Each structure stands twice: as C-alpha cells, then as structure tokens.
Amino acid sequence: SSPSFKASPSQSSPNLAAPLSPPPIVLSPCAACKILRRRCVEKCVLAPYFPPTEPYKFTIAHRVFGASNIIKFLQELPESQRADAVSSMVYEASARIRDPVYGCAGAICHLQKQVSELQAQLAKAQAELVTMESQQRNLITLICMEMAQSQEQVLQQQQQQQQQFMDTSCFLDDNGIGSAWEPLWT
C-alpha cells in the first residue's frame, strides 16, 4: 500500500500563485550531543560552539574538562564571551593533552624562550650590520683617497711630460741672450 498525501488547496490548482512553504530543514545534533549520545534540544547551550562538522573540538574539551563543567562554565558567561571561552577551553585542552604537567603555561614558556633567543639573534645581526656598514664607509674612504692620490700622480706625470717635451730653444740664441725678443724693425 502506498501512502496517500492530501494536496493542499494551493497545490491542487496550478493557476493560483500561492508561495510554497520551504522544505523542512533537518538539523543534525551538535557535536557535543552526538558524542554524549543525547537528544540535542532546540536551545542547546553547546550547539552554537560545537557544530556537527567539528566533533574534534568537543572531544578534546570533554576529555580534559568534562561535559558538565563545560556546560556550567558556558551558562555562567554572557553570550558575547562564550565563543572565546570555547576557543580557550579547546586550546587549553589540546595543550594539556600534549603536556599534561604544564599545559598552556609550558607552551607560553617555550614561546617566551624562543622570543628571547630570536631577540638575541636580532641584536647580534644588527651589531654585525653596523660593523659591516662601518667597514664599507672605511673602504669607500680609502678608495676615494687612493683615487685622489692616483689622480694627483697622473697630473704630476702629465706636467713633467709637458715640461720635458716643451722646446724652449727657439727663445734663446747661441749667446744666451734672447735675440728673438728684439723687435724686427730695428
């Protein structure tokens, strides 16, 4: 026997333009209720923060804090702070699973140590940079001095060559008196 459906008046007449109601939305239970194997009620306090697509979040938090503590904690907070609280619980729980003794404090301590080491490396690199810049300035100064000296030497050599090749014999006669300077009309 096949089930019989009654057509609504708006569906029986295709000429009427009545809007169809949207299909019913099937909500799956939140990840918390699914893991706890309980019915997820409409006003479930865990549903907004543990969606069915992210079951690992509740699994981690539940393993460390327990479901009743999570629920109690969320109920005590204003709704505006609950998402941050869940993120913090999940982070703390995953840190506790990795490091049962220190948890987040161990991770923070490790990160602070890394920051200190990186700051020391940065200071060392900055000092090396200052040294290299100073060496570069000294090298440029030496190069400029060498270039100036070599230019002076080149100029001196050119002057010496000009003096050597200048023929002054036309200005002197055999007697040593410059007859070339006497006027031609005398």
N, C-alpha and C. Protein backbone atom coordinates (compact mmCIF):
# COMPACT_ATOMS: atom_id res chain seq x y z
N SER A 1 0.84 -1.18 0.00
CA SER A 1 0.00 0.00 0.00
C SER A 1 0.87 1.23 0.00
N SER A 2 0.61 2.15 -0.85
CA SER A 2 1.39 3.38 -0.94
C SER A 2 0.72 4.45 -0.11
N PRO A 3 1.51 5.29 0.49
CA PRO A 3 0.93 6.33 1.33
C PRO A 3 0.21 7.36 0.46
N SER A 4 -0.87 7.85 0.99
CA SER A 4 -1.62 8.85 0.25
C SER A 4 -1.42 10.21 0.90
N PHE A 5 -1.16 11.18 0.07
CA PHE A 5 -0.95 12.53 0.55
C PHE A 5 -2.13 13.38 0.13
N LYS A 6 -2.55 14.25 0.99
CA LYS A 6 -3.61 15.18 0.65
C LYS A 6 -2.96 16.42 0.07
N ALA A 7 -3.45 16.85 -1.01
CA ALA A 7 -2.93 18.06 -1.64
C ALA A 7 -3.55 19.26 -0.97
N SER A 8 -2.74 20.25 -0.73
CA SER A 8 -3.27 21.48 -0.14
C SER A 8 -4.01 22.24 -1.23
N PRO A 9 -4.89 23.16 -0.87
CA PRO A 9 -5.64 23.89 -1.89
C PRO A 9 -4.71 24.66 -2.83
N SER A 10 -3.60 25.16 -2.35
CA SER A 10 -2.72 25.92 -3.23
C SER A 10 -2.00 25.00 -4.21
N GLN A 11 -1.82 23.74 -3.85
CA GLN A 11 -1.13 22.82 -4.73
C GLN A 11 -2.08 22.17 -5.73
N SER A 12 -3.38 22.08 -5.40
CA SER A 12 -4.33 21.41 -6.28
C SER A 12 -4.63 22.24 -7.53
N SER A 13 -4.51 23.53 -7.43
CA SER A 13 -4.80 24.37 -8.58
C SER A 13 -3.50 25.03 -9.05
N PRO A 14 -2.98 24.64 -10.20
CA PRO A 14 -1.73 25.21 -10.69
C PRO A 14 -1.87 26.67 -11.10
N ASN A 15 -3.09 27.15 -11.30
CA ASN A 15 -3.28 28.52 -11.73
C ASN A 15 -3.08 29.52 -10.60
N LEU A 16 -3.21 29.10 -9.37
CA LEU A 16 -3.05 30.01 -8.24
C LEU A 16 -1.57 30.22 -7.97
N ALA A 17 -1.17 31.43 -7.68
CA ALA A 17 0.24 31.75 -7.47
C ALA A 17 0.56 31.88 -5.98
N ALA A 18 0.21 30.92 -5.22
CA ALA A 18 0.49 30.96 -3.78
C ALA A 18 1.91 30.46 -3.54
N PRO A 19 2.67 31.11 -2.67
CA PRO A 19 4.04 30.66 -2.41
C PRO A 19 4.06 29.32 -1.70
N LEU A 20 5.02 28.51 -2.10
CA LEU A 20 5.17 27.20 -1.45
C LEU A 20 6.01 27.36 -0.20
N SER A 21 5.70 26.62 0.78
CA SER A 21 6.49 26.70 2.02
C SER A 21 7.81 25.98 1.78
N PRO A 22 8.90 26.47 2.38
CA PRO A 22 10.20 25.82 2.17
C PRO A 22 10.19 24.41 2.75
N PRO A 23 11.01 23.54 2.21
CA PRO A 23 11.05 22.17 2.74
C PRO A 23 11.56 22.21 4.18
N PRO A 24 11.12 21.28 4.97
CA PRO A 24 11.56 21.27 6.37
C PRO A 24 13.08 21.05 6.44
N ILE A 25 13.73 21.80 7.32
CA ILE A 25 15.18 21.70 7.48
C ILE A 25 15.46 20.65 8.55
N VAL A 26 16.29 19.71 8.19
CA VAL A 26 16.65 18.66 9.13
C VAL A 26 17.96 19.07 9.79
N LEU A 27 17.90 19.35 11.07
CA LEU A 27 19.09 19.73 11.81
C LEU A 27 19.69 18.49 12.45
N SER A 28 20.98 18.37 12.27
CA SER A 28 21.62 17.25 12.96
C SER A 28 22.02 17.74 14.34
N PRO A 29 22.16 16.85 15.26
CA PRO A 29 22.54 17.28 16.61
C PRO A 29 23.95 17.86 16.60
N CYS A 30 24.20 18.73 17.56
CA CYS A 30 25.53 19.32 17.65
C CYS A 30 26.54 18.22 17.97
N ALA A 31 27.79 18.52 17.78
CA ALA A 31 28.84 17.52 18.01
C ALA A 31 28.84 17.04 19.46
N ALA A 32 28.55 17.94 20.38
CA ALA A 32 28.54 17.57 21.80
C ALA A 32 27.44 16.55 22.09
N CYS A 33 26.25 16.83 21.62
CA CYS A 33 25.14 15.92 21.88
C CYS A 33 25.33 14.59 21.15
N LYS A 34 25.92 14.65 19.96
CA LYS A 34 26.18 13.41 19.22
C LYS A 34 27.17 12.55 19.98
N ILE A 35 28.24 13.16 20.51
CA ILE A 35 29.25 12.40 21.25
C ILE A 35 28.71 11.89 22.57
N LEU A 36 27.88 12.73 23.22
CA LEU A 36 27.30 12.32 24.51
C LEU A 36 26.10 11.39 24.33
N ARG A 37 25.69 11.20 23.06
CA ARG A 37 24.54 10.34 22.71
C ARG A 37 23.28 10.76 23.45
N ARG A 38 23.00 12.04 23.30
CA ARG A 38 21.77 12.55 23.89
C ARG A 38 21.04 13.37 22.86
N ARG A 39 19.80 13.65 23.14
CA ARG A 39 18.98 14.41 22.21
C ARG A 39 19.38 15.88 22.30
N CYS A 40 19.60 16.49 21.16
CA CYS A 40 20.00 17.89 21.10
C CYS A 40 18.74 18.74 21.07
N VAL A 41 18.51 19.48 22.13
CA VAL A 41 17.30 20.30 22.23
C VAL A 41 17.49 21.59 21.44
N GLU A 42 16.40 22.29 21.23
CA GLU A 42 16.44 23.50 20.42
C GLU A 42 17.34 24.57 21.03
N LYS A 43 17.32 24.71 22.32
CA LYS A 43 18.15 25.73 22.98
C LYS A 43 19.38 25.11 23.64
N CYS A 44 19.99 24.17 22.98
CA CYS A 44 21.20 23.52 23.50
C CYS A 44 22.30 24.57 23.65
N VAL A 45 22.86 24.67 24.83
CA VAL A 45 23.89 25.68 25.10
C VAL A 45 25.19 25.37 24.35
N LEU A 46 25.40 24.12 23.98
CA LEU A 46 26.63 23.71 23.32
C LEU A 46 26.57 23.82 21.79
N ALA A 47 25.37 23.79 21.23
CA ALA A 47 25.20 23.74 19.78
C ALA A 47 25.89 24.88 19.02
N PRO A 48 25.79 26.13 19.46
CA PRO A 48 26.44 27.19 18.66
C PRO A 48 27.97 27.09 18.63
N TYR A 49 28.55 26.40 19.59
CA TYR A 49 30.00 26.40 19.73
C TYR A 49 30.66 25.08 19.33
N PHE A 50 29.86 24.04 19.23
CA PHE A 50 30.37 22.73 18.82
C PHE A 50 29.49 22.20 17.69
N PRO A 51 29.68 22.73 16.47
CA PRO A 51 28.84 22.32 15.34
C PRO A 51 29.12 20.85 14.96
N PRO A 52 28.17 20.23 14.30
CA PRO A 52 28.33 18.81 13.94
C PRO A 52 29.51 18.57 13.01
N THR A 53 29.98 19.60 12.33
CA THR A 53 31.09 19.43 11.40
C THR A 53 32.45 19.44 12.10
N GLU A 54 32.49 19.80 13.39
CA GLU A 54 33.76 19.88 14.12
C GLU A 54 33.70 19.07 15.42
N PRO A 55 33.55 17.77 15.33
CA PRO A 55 33.42 16.96 16.56
C PRO A 55 34.71 16.92 17.39
N TYR A 56 35.86 17.11 16.75
CA TYR A 56 37.12 17.04 17.48
C TYR A 56 37.20 18.11 18.57
N LYS A 57 36.57 19.28 18.33
CA LYS A 57 36.62 20.36 19.33
C LYS A 57 36.00 19.90 20.65
N PHE A 58 34.82 19.31 20.57
CA PHE A 58 34.17 18.87 21.81
C PHE A 58 34.90 17.67 22.40
N THR A 59 35.39 16.78 21.56
CA THR A 59 36.10 15.60 22.06
C THR A 59 37.29 16.01 22.91
N ILE A 60 38.07 16.98 22.42
CA ILE A 60 39.25 17.43 23.15
C ILE A 60 38.85 18.11 24.45
N ALA A 61 37.90 19.06 24.37
CA ALA A 61 37.47 19.79 25.57
C ALA A 61 36.83 18.85 26.59
N HIS A 62 36.01 17.91 26.12
CA HIS A 62 35.33 16.96 27.01
C HIS A 62 36.33 16.06 27.73
N ARG A 63 37.36 15.68 27.03
CA ARG A 63 38.37 14.79 27.61
C ARG A 63 39.07 15.43 28.80
N VAL A 64 39.28 16.73 28.75
CA VAL A 64 40.01 17.41 29.83
C VAL A 64 39.06 18.01 30.86
N PHE A 65 37.99 18.67 30.42
CA PHE A 65 37.14 19.41 31.35
C PHE A 65 35.87 18.66 31.75
N GLY A 66 35.38 17.78 30.90
CA GLY A 66 34.12 17.10 31.19
C GLY A 66 32.94 17.92 30.71
N ALA A 67 31.88 17.23 30.29
CA ALA A 67 30.72 17.90 29.70
C ALA A 67 30.01 18.79 30.70
N SER A 68 29.81 18.33 31.92
CA SER A 68 29.06 19.13 32.89
C SER A 68 29.81 20.42 33.24
N ASN A 69 31.12 20.35 33.34
CA ASN A 69 31.89 21.57 33.62
C ASN A 69 31.83 22.54 32.45
N ILE A 70 31.88 22.03 31.23
CA ILE A 70 31.79 22.90 30.05
C ILE A 70 30.43 23.61 30.03
N ILE A 71 29.37 22.84 30.25
CA ILE A 71 28.02 23.41 30.24
C ILE A 71 27.88 24.46 31.34
N LYS A 72 28.32 24.12 32.55
CA LYS A 72 28.22 25.04 33.68
C LYS A 72 29.01 26.33 33.40
N PHE A 73 30.19 26.17 32.85
CA PHE A 73 31.04 27.31 32.56
C PHE A 73 30.37 28.23 31.53
N LEU A 74 29.83 27.64 30.46
CA LEU A 74 29.17 28.44 29.43
C LEU A 74 27.92 29.13 29.95
N GLN A 75 27.16 28.49 30.83
CA GLN A 75 25.95 29.09 31.37
C GLN A 75 26.26 30.27 32.28
N GLU A 76 27.42 30.28 32.88
CA GLU A 76 27.80 31.37 33.78
C GLU A 76 28.30 32.61 33.02
N LEU A 77 28.63 32.45 31.76
CA LEU A 77 29.17 33.56 30.97
C LEU A 77 28.09 34.24 30.14
N PRO A 78 28.28 35.53 29.87
CA PRO A 78 27.36 36.17 28.91
C PRO A 78 27.61 35.61 27.51
N GLU A 79 26.59 35.62 26.68
CA GLU A 79 26.70 35.02 25.35
C GLU A 79 27.81 35.64 24.51
N SER A 80 28.11 36.89 24.73
CA SER A 80 29.15 37.56 23.93
C SER A 80 30.55 37.00 24.20
N GLN A 81 30.73 36.33 25.33
CA GLN A 81 32.05 35.80 25.69
C GLN A 81 32.16 34.29 25.50
N ARG A 82 31.08 33.64 25.19
CA ARG A 82 31.08 32.18 25.14
C ARG A 82 31.95 31.61 24.02
N ALA A 83 31.94 32.21 22.84
CA ALA A 83 32.75 31.70 21.72
C ALA A 83 34.24 31.76 22.07
N ASP A 84 34.66 32.87 22.68
CA ASP A 84 36.06 32.97 23.10
C ASP A 84 36.40 31.97 24.19
N ALA A 85 35.45 31.75 25.09
CA ALA A 85 35.68 30.77 26.17
C ALA A 85 35.84 29.36 25.60
N VAL A 86 35.03 29.03 24.61
CA VAL A 86 35.14 27.70 23.99
C VAL A 86 36.48 27.57 23.29
N SER A 87 36.89 28.61 22.57
CA SER A 87 38.20 28.56 21.91
C SER A 87 39.31 28.37 22.92
N SER A 88 39.21 29.07 24.03
CA SER A 88 40.23 28.94 25.09
C SER A 88 40.23 27.54 25.69
N MET A 89 39.03 27.00 25.94
CA MET A 89 38.96 25.65 26.50
C MET A 89 39.55 24.61 25.55
N VAL A 90 39.24 24.74 24.27
CA VAL A 90 39.76 23.78 23.29
C VAL A 90 41.28 23.91 23.21
N TYR A 91 41.78 25.13 23.23
CA TYR A 91 43.23 25.34 23.16
C TYR A 91 43.91 24.78 24.42
N GLU A 92 43.37 25.10 25.58
CA GLU A 92 43.94 24.61 26.83
C GLU A 92 43.88 23.09 26.90
N ALA A 93 42.77 22.52 26.46
CA ALA A 93 42.64 21.06 26.49
C ALA A 93 43.65 20.40 25.57
N SER A 94 43.83 20.94 24.37
CA SER A 94 44.81 20.33 23.46
C SER A 94 46.23 20.50 24.01
N ALA A 95 46.51 21.63 24.69
CA ALA A 95 47.82 21.83 25.31
C ALA A 95 48.01 20.86 26.47
N ARG A 96 46.96 20.61 27.24
CA ARG A 96 47.04 19.66 28.36
C ARG A 96 47.24 18.23 27.86
N ILE A 97 46.66 17.92 26.73
CA ILE A 97 46.85 16.57 26.18
C ILE A 97 48.30 16.39 25.74
N ARG A 98 48.88 17.44 25.10
CA ARG A 98 50.28 17.38 24.67
C ARG A 98 51.23 17.40 25.86
N ASP A 99 50.94 18.25 26.85
CA ASP A 99 51.82 18.42 28.00
C ASP A 99 50.96 18.42 29.27
N PRO A 100 50.73 17.23 29.85
CA PRO A 100 49.81 17.14 30.99
C PRO A 100 50.26 17.93 32.22
N VAL A 101 51.55 18.18 32.36
CA VAL A 101 52.05 18.88 33.54
C VAL A 101 51.87 20.39 33.42
N TYR A 102 52.33 20.98 32.32
CA TYR A 102 52.34 22.43 32.20
C TYR A 102 51.22 23.00 31.32
N GLY A 103 50.71 22.24 30.39
CA GLY A 103 49.63 22.72 29.53
C GLY A 103 50.01 23.98 28.77
N CYS A 104 49.13 24.98 28.80
CA CYS A 104 49.39 26.25 28.10
C CYS A 104 50.60 26.97 28.67
N ALA A 105 50.79 26.88 29.98
CA ALA A 105 51.93 27.57 30.60
C ALA A 105 53.24 27.05 30.01
N GLY A 106 53.32 25.77 29.74
CA GLY A 106 54.52 25.22 29.12
C GLY A 106 54.72 25.75 27.72
N ALA A 107 53.63 25.85 26.96
CA ALA A 107 53.71 26.39 25.60
C ALA A 107 54.13 27.86 25.64
N ILE A 108 53.57 28.62 26.58
CA ILE A 108 53.91 30.04 26.71
C ILE A 108 55.38 30.19 27.09
N CYS A 109 55.83 29.38 28.03
CA CYS A 109 57.24 29.43 28.45
C CYS A 109 58.16 29.11 27.28
N HIS A 110 57.81 28.10 26.51
CA HIS A 110 58.60 27.72 25.33
C HIS A 110 58.64 28.87 24.32
N LEU A 111 57.50 29.50 24.09
CA LEU A 111 57.44 30.62 23.14
C LEU A 111 58.24 31.83 23.65
N GLN A 112 58.18 32.08 24.97
CA GLN A 112 58.97 33.19 25.52
C GLN A 112 60.46 32.94 25.37
N LYS A 113 60.87 31.68 25.53
CA LYS A 113 62.28 31.33 25.35
C LYS A 113 62.68 31.55 23.89
N GLN A 114 61.82 31.15 22.97
CA GLN A 114 62.10 31.36 21.55
C GLN A 114 62.21 32.85 21.23
N VAL A 115 61.32 33.66 21.81
CA VAL A 115 61.36 35.11 21.58
C VAL A 115 62.68 35.68 22.09
N SER A 116 63.11 35.25 23.27
CA SER A 116 64.38 35.74 23.82
C SER A 116 65.55 35.36 22.92
N GLU A 117 65.56 34.12 22.44
CA GLU A 117 66.63 33.67 21.54
C GLU A 117 66.62 34.46 20.24
N LEU A 118 65.43 34.70 19.71
CA LEU A 118 65.33 35.46 18.46
C LEU A 118 65.73 36.91 18.66
N GLN A 119 65.41 37.48 19.82
CA GLN A 119 65.83 38.86 20.10
C GLN A 119 67.35 38.94 20.19
N ALA A 120 67.98 37.93 20.80
CA ALA A 120 69.45 37.91 20.87
C ALA A 120 70.05 37.78 19.48
N GLN A 121 69.48 36.92 18.64
CA GLN A 121 69.96 36.78 17.27
C GLN A 121 69.79 38.08 16.49
N LEU A 122 68.66 38.75 16.71
CA LEU A 122 68.42 40.02 16.02
C LEU A 122 69.43 41.07 16.46
N ALA A 123 69.72 41.15 17.77
CA ALA A 123 70.70 42.11 18.27
C ALA A 123 72.08 41.82 17.68
N LYS A 124 72.44 40.55 17.61
CA LYS A 124 73.73 40.17 17.03
C LYS A 124 73.79 40.55 15.55
N ALA A 125 72.71 40.29 14.82
CA ALA A 125 72.67 40.63 13.39
C ALA A 125 72.74 42.15 13.19
N GLN A 126 72.07 42.90 14.06
CA GLN A 126 72.12 44.36 13.95
C GLN A 126 73.53 44.88 14.23
N ALA A 127 74.21 44.28 15.22
CA ALA A 127 75.59 44.68 15.52
C ALA A 127 76.50 44.37 14.34
N GLU A 128 76.33 43.20 13.74
CA GLU A 128 77.12 42.84 12.57
C GLU A 128 76.84 43.81 11.41
N LEU A 129 75.61 44.21 11.27
CA LEU A 129 75.25 45.15 10.22
C LEU A 129 75.93 46.50 10.43
N VAL A 130 75.94 46.98 11.68
CA VAL A 130 76.62 48.25 11.98
C VAL A 130 78.11 48.13 11.67
N THR A 131 78.71 46.99 12.04
CA THR A 131 80.13 46.77 11.77
C THR A 131 80.40 46.76 10.26
N MET A 132 79.56 46.08 9.52
CA MET A 132 79.73 46.00 8.07
C MET A 132 79.55 47.37 7.42
N GLU A 133 78.58 48.14 7.90
CA GLU A 133 78.38 49.48 7.35
C GLU A 133 79.60 50.35 7.63
N SER A 134 80.17 50.24 8.83
CA SER A 134 81.37 51.00 9.18
C SER A 134 82.54 50.58 8.28
N GLN A 135 82.70 49.28 8.08
CA GLN A 135 83.76 48.79 7.20
C GLN A 135 83.55 49.29 5.77
N GLN A 136 82.32 49.32 5.33
CA GLN A 136 82.02 49.80 3.99
C GLN A 136 82.39 51.28 3.86
N ARG A 137 82.02 52.08 4.87
CA ARG A 137 82.38 53.50 4.84
C ARG A 137 83.89 53.69 4.82
N ASN A 138 84.61 52.91 5.64
CA ASN A 138 86.07 52.99 5.66
C ASN A 138 86.66 52.60 4.31
N LEU A 139 86.12 51.56 3.71
CA LEU A 139 86.60 51.10 2.41
C LEU A 139 86.36 52.17 1.34
N ILE A 140 85.19 52.78 1.36
CA ILE A 140 84.88 53.83 0.39
C ILE A 140 85.83 55.01 0.59
N THR A 141 86.10 55.36 1.85
CA THR A 141 87.03 56.46 2.13
C THR A 141 88.42 56.14 1.60
N LEU A 142 88.89 54.93 1.83
CA LEU A 142 90.20 54.52 1.32
C LEU A 142 90.25 54.54 -0.21
N ILE A 143 89.21 54.07 -0.82
CA ILE A 143 89.15 54.06 -2.29
C ILE A 143 89.19 55.49 -2.81
N CYS A 144 88.43 56.38 -2.18
CA CYS A 144 88.42 57.78 -2.61
C CYS A 144 89.80 58.41 -2.43
N MET A 145 90.47 58.10 -1.31
CA MET A 145 91.81 58.64 -1.08
C MET A 145 92.79 58.11 -2.12
N GLU A 146 92.70 56.82 -2.40
CA GLU A 146 93.58 56.22 -3.41
C GLU A 146 93.33 56.84 -4.78
N MET A 147 92.09 57.06 -5.11
CA MET A 147 91.77 57.66 -6.41
C MET A 147 92.30 59.09 -6.48
N ALA A 148 92.17 59.83 -5.39
CA ALA A 148 92.67 61.20 -5.38
C ALA A 148 94.19 61.22 -5.53
N GLN A 149 94.86 60.32 -4.80
CA GLN A 149 96.32 60.24 -4.91
C GLN A 149 96.75 59.84 -6.31
N SER A 150 96.07 58.86 -6.88
CA SER A 150 96.46 58.43 -8.23
C SER A 150 96.18 59.54 -9.25
N GLN A 151 95.14 60.32 -9.04
CA GLN A 151 94.86 61.44 -9.94
C GLN A 151 95.95 62.50 -9.81
N GLU A 152 96.39 62.75 -8.56
CA GLU A 152 97.49 63.71 -8.36
C GLU A 152 98.75 63.22 -9.07
N GLN A 153 99.03 61.93 -8.92
CA GLN A 153 100.22 61.36 -9.56
C GLN A 153 100.11 61.47 -11.08
N VAL A 154 98.96 61.19 -11.62
CA VAL A 154 98.76 61.29 -13.07
C VAL A 154 98.96 62.74 -13.51
N LEU A 155 98.41 63.68 -12.76
CA LEU A 155 98.58 65.10 -13.11
C LEU A 155 100.05 65.52 -13.04
N GLN A 156 100.75 65.05 -12.00
CA GLN A 156 102.17 65.37 -11.87
C GLN A 156 102.96 64.79 -13.03
N GLN A 157 102.66 63.56 -13.39
CA GLN A 157 103.35 62.92 -14.51
C GLN A 157 103.07 63.68 -15.81
N GLN A 158 101.84 64.10 -15.99
CA GLN A 158 101.50 64.84 -17.20
C GLN A 158 102.24 66.17 -17.24
N GLN A 159 102.34 66.83 -16.08
CA GLN A 159 103.06 68.10 -16.03
C GLN A 159 104.54 67.89 -16.33
N GLN A 160 105.11 66.81 -15.78
CA GLN A 160 106.52 66.52 -16.05
C GLN A 160 106.75 66.23 -17.52
N GLN A 161 105.84 65.48 -18.12
CA GLN A 161 105.97 65.17 -19.54
C GLN A 161 105.85 66.42 -20.38
N GLN A 162 104.95 67.30 -20.01
CA GLN A 162 104.78 68.55 -20.77
C GLN A 162 106.04 69.41 -20.65
N GLN A 163 106.64 69.41 -19.47
CA GLN A 163 107.86 70.20 -19.29
C GLN A 163 109.03 69.60 -20.06
N GLN A 164 109.09 68.28 -20.15
CA GLN A 164 110.18 67.62 -20.86
C GLN A 164 110.07 67.85 -22.36
N PHE A 165 108.88 67.84 -22.87
CA PHE A 165 108.70 67.96 -24.31
C PHE A 165 108.60 69.40 -24.80
N MET A 166 108.58 70.36 -23.91
CA MET A 166 108.48 71.74 -24.33
C MET A 166 109.85 72.19 -24.84
N ASP A 167 109.89 72.62 -26.06
CA ASP A 167 111.15 73.05 -26.69
C ASP A 167 111.27 74.55 -26.51
N THR A 168 112.20 74.95 -25.71
CA THR A 168 112.41 76.38 -25.47
C THR A 168 113.62 76.92 -26.23
N SER A 169 114.22 76.14 -27.12
CA SER A 169 115.41 76.56 -27.86
C SER A 169 115.12 77.70 -28.82
N CYS A 170 113.91 77.83 -29.29
CA CYS A 170 113.58 78.90 -30.21
C CYS A 170 113.61 80.26 -29.54
N PHE A 171 113.52 80.26 -28.22
CA PHE A 171 113.51 81.52 -27.50
C PHE A 171 114.91 81.99 -27.14
N LEU A 172 115.90 81.16 -27.30
CA LEU A 172 117.27 81.52 -26.90
C LEU A 172 118.20 81.49 -28.11
N ASP A 173 119.16 82.42 -28.17
CA ASP A 173 120.16 82.32 -29.24
C ASP A 173 121.42 81.69 -28.66
N ASP A 174 122.40 81.57 -29.48
CA ASP A 174 123.60 80.88 -29.05
C ASP A 174 124.33 81.64 -27.95
N ASN A 175 124.16 82.88 -27.87
CA ASN A 175 124.85 83.67 -26.86
C ASN A 175 124.15 83.61 -25.51
N GLY A 176 122.99 83.09 -25.49
CA GLY A 176 122.25 83.02 -24.25
C GLY A 176 121.36 84.22 -24.05
N ILE A 177 121.40 85.15 -24.99
CA ILE A 177 120.55 86.31 -24.88
C ILE A 177 119.40 86.08 -25.85
N GLY A 178 118.28 86.38 -25.42
CA GLY A 178 117.12 86.14 -26.24
C GLY A 178 116.96 87.15 -27.33
N SER A 179 117.62 86.93 -28.50
CA SER A 179 117.52 87.84 -29.64
C SER A 179 116.15 87.75 -30.30
N ALA A 180 115.43 86.71 -29.99
CA ALA A 180 114.12 86.55 -30.62
C ALA A 180 113.17 87.58 -30.08
N TRP A 181 113.52 88.20 -28.99
CA TRP A 181 112.61 89.19 -28.41
C TRP A 181 112.90 90.60 -28.93
N GLU A 182 113.93 90.72 -29.71
CA GLU A 182 114.25 92.06 -30.25
C GLU A 182 113.25 92.38 -31.34
N PRO A 183 112.94 93.62 -31.43
CA PRO A 183 111.98 93.98 -32.47
C PRO A 183 112.55 93.74 -33.86
N LEU A 184 111.73 93.37 -34.75
CA LEU A 184 112.14 93.05 -36.10
C LEU A 184 112.43 94.31 -36.91
N TRP A 185 111.93 95.39 -36.59
CA TRP A 185 112.07 96.61 -37.40
C TRP A 185 113.33 97.39 -37.09
N THR A 186 114.10 96.96 -36.12
CA THR A 186 115.31 97.73 -35.84
C THR A 186 116.49 97.34 -36.65
